[in-house]
Amino acid sequence: MRVAILADDLIWSSRLADLVRGAGAEAQPVRSVAALDAALPAVDRVIVDLTARGYDGIAAVVAARRAGRPVLAVGQHDDAASRRAALAAGADRVDPYRRLHEHGSEVIQTWLSGAPAGSAPR
């Protein structure tokens, strides 16, 4: 399984890529919506960091869903508006950074397996 990771923050991009690799999938980091668009034909799933400065995270979710790819979005725990917008745009789930920091392996493995979001620890 190949997972595109759209994040313009190098630390989060690296952390997410490590989690994806740890779950047995191939990580393909990208840093722009244009790069995501180019990667979409060759990936199975997409992770989108919603708080980027260099791209519109919601537009990225829309592009990935339009291509038929499942989307995991990540963002600030206190940004309910962005979380709602990502879900409305088609994200399968939206998790706060803290959850991925504390339970990232379980979250990614659950998402990659297609299990319901409530299956991973909160």
N, C-alpha and C. Protein backbone atom coordinates (compact mmCIF):
# COMPACT_ATOMS: atom_id res chain seq x y z
N MET A 1 0.85 -1.18 0.00
CA MET A 1 0.00 0.00 0.00
C MET A 1 0.89 1.24 0.00
N ARG A 2 0.54 2.21 -0.81
CA ARG A 2 1.28 3.47 -0.90
C ARG A 2 0.42 4.60 -0.37
N VAL A 3 1.03 5.45 0.48
CA VAL A 3 0.32 6.55 1.13
C VAL A 3 1.03 7.86 0.83
N ALA A 4 0.32 8.78 0.18
CA ALA A 4 0.85 10.13 0.00
C ALA A 4 0.64 10.90 1.30
N ILE A 5 1.65 11.65 1.69
CA ILE A 5 1.58 12.45 2.92
C ILE A 5 1.82 13.90 2.52
N LEU A 6 0.76 14.70 2.59
CA LEU A 6 0.86 16.11 2.25
C LEU A 6 1.04 16.91 3.53
N ALA A 7 2.26 17.38 3.74
CA ALA A 7 2.58 18.19 4.92
C ALA A 7 3.75 19.09 4.55
N ASP A 8 3.62 20.38 4.83
CA ASP A 8 4.74 21.26 4.51
C ASP A 8 5.69 21.45 5.68
N ASP A 9 5.34 20.91 6.84
CA ASP A 9 6.23 20.95 8.00
C ASP A 9 7.10 19.70 7.95
N LEU A 10 8.40 19.87 7.86
CA LEU A 10 9.32 18.75 7.69
C LEU A 10 9.25 17.76 8.86
N ILE A 11 9.11 18.26 10.08
CA ILE A 11 9.06 17.38 11.24
C ILE A 11 7.82 16.50 11.19
N TRP A 12 6.64 17.12 10.93
CA TRP A 12 5.42 16.32 10.86
C TRP A 12 5.41 15.39 9.67
N SER A 13 5.94 15.85 8.57
CA SER A 13 6.02 15.00 7.39
C SER A 13 6.86 13.76 7.69
N SER A 14 8.00 13.96 8.33
CA SER A 14 8.88 12.85 8.69
C SER A 14 8.22 11.92 9.70
N ARG A 15 7.58 12.49 10.69
CA ARG A 15 6.90 11.68 11.72
C ARG A 15 5.79 10.84 11.10
N LEU A 16 4.98 11.46 10.24
CA LEU A 16 3.89 10.73 9.59
C LEU A 16 4.45 9.63 8.68
N ALA A 17 5.52 9.94 7.94
CA ALA A 17 6.13 8.93 7.06
C ALA A 17 6.65 7.76 7.88
N ASP A 18 7.26 8.03 9.02
CA ASP A 18 7.75 6.95 9.89
C ASP A 18 6.59 6.08 10.38
N LEU A 19 5.46 6.72 10.75
CA LEU A 19 4.30 5.96 11.21
C LEU A 19 3.74 5.07 10.10
N VAL A 20 3.69 5.61 8.90
CA VAL A 20 3.18 4.84 7.75
C VAL A 20 4.10 3.66 7.48
N ARG A 21 5.41 3.90 7.46
CA ARG A 21 6.36 2.81 7.23
C ARG A 21 6.27 1.77 8.35
N GLY A 22 6.10 2.23 9.58
CA GLY A 22 5.97 1.32 10.71
C GLY A 22 4.75 0.43 10.62
N ALA A 23 3.74 0.90 9.89
CA ALA A 23 2.52 0.11 9.69
C ALA A 23 2.63 -0.81 8.47
N GLY A 24 3.80 -0.81 7.84
CA GLY A 24 4.03 -1.70 6.71
C GLY A 24 3.65 -1.15 5.35
N ALA A 25 3.39 0.14 5.27
CA ALA A 25 3.03 0.76 3.99
C ALA A 25 4.20 1.62 3.50
N GLU A 26 4.11 2.01 2.25
CA GLU A 26 5.13 2.87 1.65
C GLU A 26 4.68 4.33 1.75
N ALA A 27 5.52 5.18 2.28
CA ALA A 27 5.21 6.60 2.43
C ALA A 27 5.74 7.38 1.23
N GLN A 28 4.91 8.30 0.72
CA GLN A 28 5.33 9.18 -0.35
C GLN A 28 5.04 10.62 0.06
N PRO A 29 6.00 11.27 0.73
CA PRO A 29 5.78 12.66 1.14
C PRO A 29 5.69 13.60 -0.07
N VAL A 30 4.76 14.54 0.01
CA VAL A 30 4.63 15.62 -0.98
C VAL A 30 4.43 16.92 -0.20
N ARG A 31 4.74 18.05 -0.84
CA ARG A 31 4.69 19.30 -0.09
C ARG A 31 3.75 20.34 -0.69
N SER A 32 3.02 19.97 -1.74
CA SER A 32 2.09 20.92 -2.35
C SER A 32 0.90 20.16 -2.93
N VAL A 33 -0.18 20.89 -3.18
CA VAL A 33 -1.35 20.26 -3.79
C VAL A 33 -1.01 19.79 -5.21
N ALA A 34 -0.18 20.55 -5.93
CA ALA A 34 0.22 20.13 -7.27
C ALA A 34 0.99 18.81 -7.22
N ALA A 35 1.88 18.67 -6.24
CA ALA A 35 2.63 17.41 -6.08
C ALA A 35 1.69 16.28 -5.67
N LEU A 36 0.70 16.59 -4.85
CA LEU A 36 -0.29 15.58 -4.48
C LEU A 36 -1.06 15.14 -5.71
N ASP A 37 -1.51 16.09 -6.52
CA ASP A 37 -2.24 15.75 -7.75
C ASP A 37 -1.42 14.80 -8.63
N ALA A 38 -0.12 15.07 -8.74
CA ALA A 38 0.75 14.22 -9.55
C ALA A 38 0.91 12.82 -8.94
N ALA A 39 0.87 12.74 -7.61
CA ALA A 39 1.07 11.46 -6.93
C ALA A 39 -0.20 10.61 -6.86
N LEU A 40 -1.36 11.22 -6.95
CA LEU A 40 -2.62 10.51 -6.72
C LEU A 40 -2.82 9.24 -7.55
N PRO A 41 -2.44 9.22 -8.83
CA PRO A 41 -2.65 7.99 -9.59
C PRO A 41 -1.87 6.78 -9.05
N ALA A 42 -0.79 7.05 -8.32
CA ALA A 42 0.10 5.96 -7.88
C ALA A 42 -0.02 5.63 -6.40
N VAL A 43 -0.95 6.27 -5.68
CA VAL A 43 -1.09 6.00 -4.24
C VAL A 43 -2.48 5.42 -3.95
N ASP A 44 -2.56 4.77 -2.78
CA ASP A 44 -3.80 4.14 -2.37
C ASP A 44 -4.58 4.98 -1.37
N ARG A 45 -3.86 5.78 -0.58
CA ARG A 45 -4.46 6.59 0.48
C ARG A 45 -3.68 7.89 0.62
N VAL A 46 -4.30 8.86 1.35
CA VAL A 46 -3.67 10.18 1.50
C VAL A 46 -3.82 10.65 2.93
N ILE A 47 -2.74 11.21 3.47
CA ILE A 47 -2.78 11.91 4.75
C ILE A 47 -2.56 13.39 4.44
N VAL A 48 -3.40 14.26 5.01
CA VAL A 48 -3.30 15.70 4.77
C VAL A 48 -3.16 16.43 6.11
N ASP A 49 -2.11 17.22 6.23
CA ASP A 49 -1.93 18.12 7.36
C ASP A 49 -2.75 19.38 7.05
N LEU A 50 -3.74 19.65 7.86
CA LEU A 50 -4.66 20.76 7.59
C LEU A 50 -4.10 22.14 7.91
N THR A 51 -3.06 22.24 8.71
CA THR A 51 -2.62 23.55 9.18
C THR A 51 -1.44 24.11 8.39
N ALA A 52 -1.23 23.64 7.22
CA ALA A 52 -0.11 24.11 6.41
C ALA A 52 -0.28 25.55 5.97
N ARG A 53 0.83 26.19 5.76
CA ARG A 53 0.81 27.58 5.25
C ARG A 53 0.96 27.63 3.74
N GLY A 54 1.54 26.58 3.17
CA GLY A 54 1.86 26.59 1.75
C GLY A 54 0.80 26.02 0.83
N TYR A 55 -0.30 25.55 1.38
CA TYR A 55 -1.38 25.00 0.55
C TYR A 55 -2.68 25.02 1.34
N ASP A 56 -3.77 24.80 0.65
CA ASP A 56 -5.11 24.74 1.25
C ASP A 56 -5.41 23.28 1.58
N GLY A 57 -5.42 22.94 2.86
CA GLY A 57 -5.65 21.56 3.28
C GLY A 57 -7.00 21.02 2.86
N ILE A 58 -8.02 21.86 2.91
CA ILE A 58 -9.37 21.40 2.52
C ILE A 58 -9.40 21.11 1.02
N ALA A 59 -8.77 21.95 0.21
CA ALA A 59 -8.69 21.69 -1.23
C ALA A 59 -7.95 20.38 -1.50
N ALA A 60 -6.95 20.08 -0.69
CA ALA A 60 -6.22 18.82 -0.85
C ALA A 60 -7.11 17.63 -0.53
N VAL A 61 -7.93 17.74 0.52
CA VAL A 61 -8.87 16.66 0.85
C VAL A 61 -9.83 16.46 -0.32
N VAL A 62 -10.35 17.54 -0.87
CA VAL A 62 -11.28 17.45 -2.00
C VAL A 62 -10.61 16.76 -3.19
N ALA A 63 -9.37 17.13 -3.49
CA ALA A 63 -8.66 16.53 -4.63
C ALA A 63 -8.45 15.03 -4.43
N ALA A 64 -8.07 14.65 -3.22
CA ALA A 64 -7.84 13.23 -2.94
C ALA A 64 -9.14 12.44 -3.03
N ARG A 65 -10.21 12.98 -2.48
CA ARG A 65 -11.50 12.28 -2.54
C ARG A 65 -12.02 12.21 -3.97
N ARG A 66 -11.81 13.27 -4.73
CA ARG A 66 -12.24 13.27 -6.13
C ARG A 66 -11.53 12.14 -6.89
N ALA A 67 -10.29 11.83 -6.48
CA ALA A 67 -9.53 10.74 -7.09
C ALA A 67 -9.89 9.38 -6.48
N GLY A 68 -10.83 9.38 -5.53
CA GLY A 68 -11.28 8.14 -4.92
C GLY A 68 -10.37 7.59 -3.85
N ARG A 69 -9.51 8.43 -3.27
CA ARG A 69 -8.58 7.97 -2.25
C ARG A 69 -9.11 8.27 -0.86
N PRO A 70 -9.04 7.30 0.06
CA PRO A 70 -9.38 7.57 1.46
C PRO A 70 -8.41 8.60 2.04
N VAL A 71 -8.93 9.45 2.93
CA VAL A 71 -8.13 10.55 3.48
C VAL A 71 -8.18 10.55 5.00
N LEU A 72 -7.00 10.62 5.60
CA LEU A 72 -6.84 10.90 7.02
C LEU A 72 -6.30 12.31 7.11
N ALA A 73 -7.03 13.19 7.79
CA ALA A 73 -6.56 14.57 7.97
C ALA A 73 -6.10 14.74 9.41
N VAL A 74 -5.10 15.59 9.61
CA VAL A 74 -4.59 15.89 10.94
C VAL A 74 -4.55 17.40 11.11
N GLY A 75 -4.80 17.84 12.35
CA GLY A 75 -4.81 19.27 12.61
C GLY A 75 -4.83 19.58 14.09
N GLN A 76 -5.02 20.84 14.40
CA GLN A 76 -5.05 21.31 15.78
C GLN A 76 -6.28 20.78 16.50
N HIS A 77 -6.13 20.40 17.76
CA HIS A 77 -7.26 19.86 18.53
C HIS A 77 -8.34 20.90 18.78
N ASP A 78 -7.96 22.17 18.80
CA ASP A 78 -8.93 23.22 19.12
C ASP A 78 -9.50 23.91 17.88
N ASP A 79 -9.25 23.35 16.71
CA ASP A 79 -9.76 23.96 15.47
C ASP A 79 -10.94 23.13 14.94
N ALA A 80 -12.05 23.23 15.64
CA ALA A 80 -13.24 22.46 15.28
C ALA A 80 -13.75 22.80 13.89
N ALA A 81 -13.61 24.06 13.49
CA ALA A 81 -14.10 24.47 12.16
C ALA A 81 -13.34 23.75 11.05
N SER A 82 -12.03 23.65 11.18
CA SER A 82 -11.24 22.94 10.17
C SER A 82 -11.55 21.46 10.16
N ARG A 83 -11.74 20.89 11.33
CA ARG A 83 -12.09 19.46 11.41
C ARG A 83 -13.42 19.21 10.71
N ARG A 84 -14.41 20.05 10.99
CA ARG A 84 -15.73 19.89 10.34
C ARG A 84 -15.61 20.08 8.83
N ALA A 85 -14.83 21.08 8.41
CA ALA A 85 -14.67 21.33 6.98
C ALA A 85 -13.99 20.16 6.28
N ALA A 86 -13.00 19.55 6.93
CA ALA A 86 -12.31 18.40 6.34
C ALA A 86 -13.25 17.21 6.21
N LEU A 87 -14.06 16.98 7.22
CA LEU A 87 -15.04 15.88 7.14
C LEU A 87 -16.06 16.16 6.05
N ALA A 88 -16.53 17.40 5.96
CA ALA A 88 -17.50 17.76 4.92
C ALA A 88 -16.89 17.63 3.52
N ALA A 89 -15.56 17.84 3.42
CA ALA A 89 -14.87 17.73 2.13
C ALA A 89 -14.59 16.29 1.75
N GLY A 90 -14.81 15.35 2.70
CA GLY A 90 -14.66 13.94 2.37
C GLY A 90 -13.62 13.17 3.16
N ALA A 91 -12.95 13.81 4.12
CA ALA A 91 -11.97 13.07 4.92
C ALA A 91 -12.68 11.94 5.66
N ASP A 92 -12.05 10.79 5.71
CA ASP A 92 -12.62 9.65 6.42
C ASP A 92 -12.56 9.87 7.92
N ARG A 93 -11.52 10.55 8.36
CA ARG A 93 -11.37 10.88 9.78
C ARG A 93 -10.42 12.05 9.89
N VAL A 94 -10.55 12.76 11.00
CA VAL A 94 -9.66 13.89 11.30
C VAL A 94 -9.18 13.70 12.72
N ASP A 95 -7.88 13.62 12.88
CA ASP A 95 -7.30 13.42 14.21
C ASP A 95 -6.42 14.60 14.58
N PRO A 96 -6.42 14.95 15.87
CA PRO A 96 -5.54 16.03 16.32
C PRO A 96 -4.09 15.54 16.39
N TYR A 97 -3.16 16.48 16.29
CA TYR A 97 -1.74 16.15 16.37
C TYR A 97 -1.43 15.35 17.63
N ARG A 98 -2.01 15.75 18.73
CA ARG A 98 -1.72 15.08 19.99
C ARG A 98 -2.06 13.59 19.93
N ARG A 99 -3.18 13.27 19.33
CA ARG A 99 -3.58 11.86 19.23
C ARG A 99 -2.57 11.08 18.41
N LEU A 100 -2.10 11.68 17.31
CA LEU A 100 -1.10 11.01 16.50
C LEU A 100 0.23 10.93 17.22
N HIS A 101 0.54 11.95 18.01
CA HIS A 101 1.78 11.92 18.77
C HIS A 101 1.74 10.81 19.82
N GLU A 102 0.60 10.64 20.50
CA GLU A 102 0.48 9.67 21.58
C GLU A 102 0.12 8.26 21.10
N HIS A 103 -0.68 8.16 20.05
CA HIS A 103 -1.19 6.86 19.60
C HIS A 103 -1.03 6.67 18.09
N GLY A 104 -0.02 7.31 17.52
CA GLY A 104 0.12 7.32 16.06
C GLY A 104 0.15 5.96 15.41
N SER A 105 0.88 5.02 15.99
CA SER A 105 0.97 3.69 15.37
C SER A 105 -0.40 3.04 15.28
N GLU A 106 -1.16 3.12 16.37
CA GLU A 106 -2.49 2.50 16.38
C GLU A 106 -3.44 3.21 15.42
N VAL A 107 -3.38 4.54 15.39
CA VAL A 107 -4.25 5.32 14.50
C VAL A 107 -3.97 4.96 13.05
N ILE A 108 -2.71 4.96 12.67
CA ILE A 108 -2.35 4.68 11.27
C ILE A 108 -2.69 3.24 10.91
N GLN A 109 -2.37 2.29 11.77
CA GLN A 109 -2.68 0.89 11.48
C GLN A 109 -4.19 0.68 11.34
N THR A 110 -4.97 1.29 12.22
CA THR A 110 -6.43 1.18 12.14
C THR A 110 -6.94 1.76 10.84
N TRP A 111 -6.46 2.95 10.49
CA TRP A 111 -6.90 3.61 9.26
C TRP A 111 -6.51 2.80 8.02
N LEU A 112 -5.28 2.31 8.00
CA LEU A 112 -4.83 1.52 6.84
C LEU A 112 -5.62 0.23 6.70
N SER A 113 -6.06 -0.33 7.81
CA SER A 113 -6.81 -1.59 7.76
C SER A 113 -8.27 -1.38 7.35
N GLY A 114 -8.71 -0.13 7.39
CA GLY A 114 -10.10 0.16 7.06
C GLY A 114 -11.05 -0.06 8.23
N ALA A 115 -10.51 -0.31 9.42
CA ALA A 115 -11.35 -0.51 10.61
C ALA A 115 -11.99 0.81 11.01
N PRO A 116 -13.12 0.77 11.73
CA PRO A 116 -13.78 2.00 12.17
C PRO A 116 -12.86 2.85 13.04
N ALA A 117 -13.04 4.16 12.97
CA ALA A 117 -12.18 5.10 13.69
C ALA A 117 -12.16 4.82 15.19
N GLY A 118 -13.24 4.38 15.77
CA GLY A 118 -13.29 4.12 17.20
C GLY A 118 -12.48 2.91 17.64
N SER A 119 -11.87 2.19 16.71
CA SER A 119 -11.12 1.00 17.06
C SER A 119 -9.77 1.31 17.69
N ALA A 120 -9.24 2.49 17.42
CA ALA A 120 -7.93 2.87 17.96
C ALA A 120 -8.12 3.57 19.30
N PRO A 121 -7.11 3.52 20.18
CA PRO A 121 -7.23 4.20 21.46
C PRO A 121 -7.42 5.70 21.29
N ARG A 122 -8.13 6.28 22.19
CA ARG A 122 -8.34 7.74 22.15
C ARG A 122 -7.50 8.43 23.17
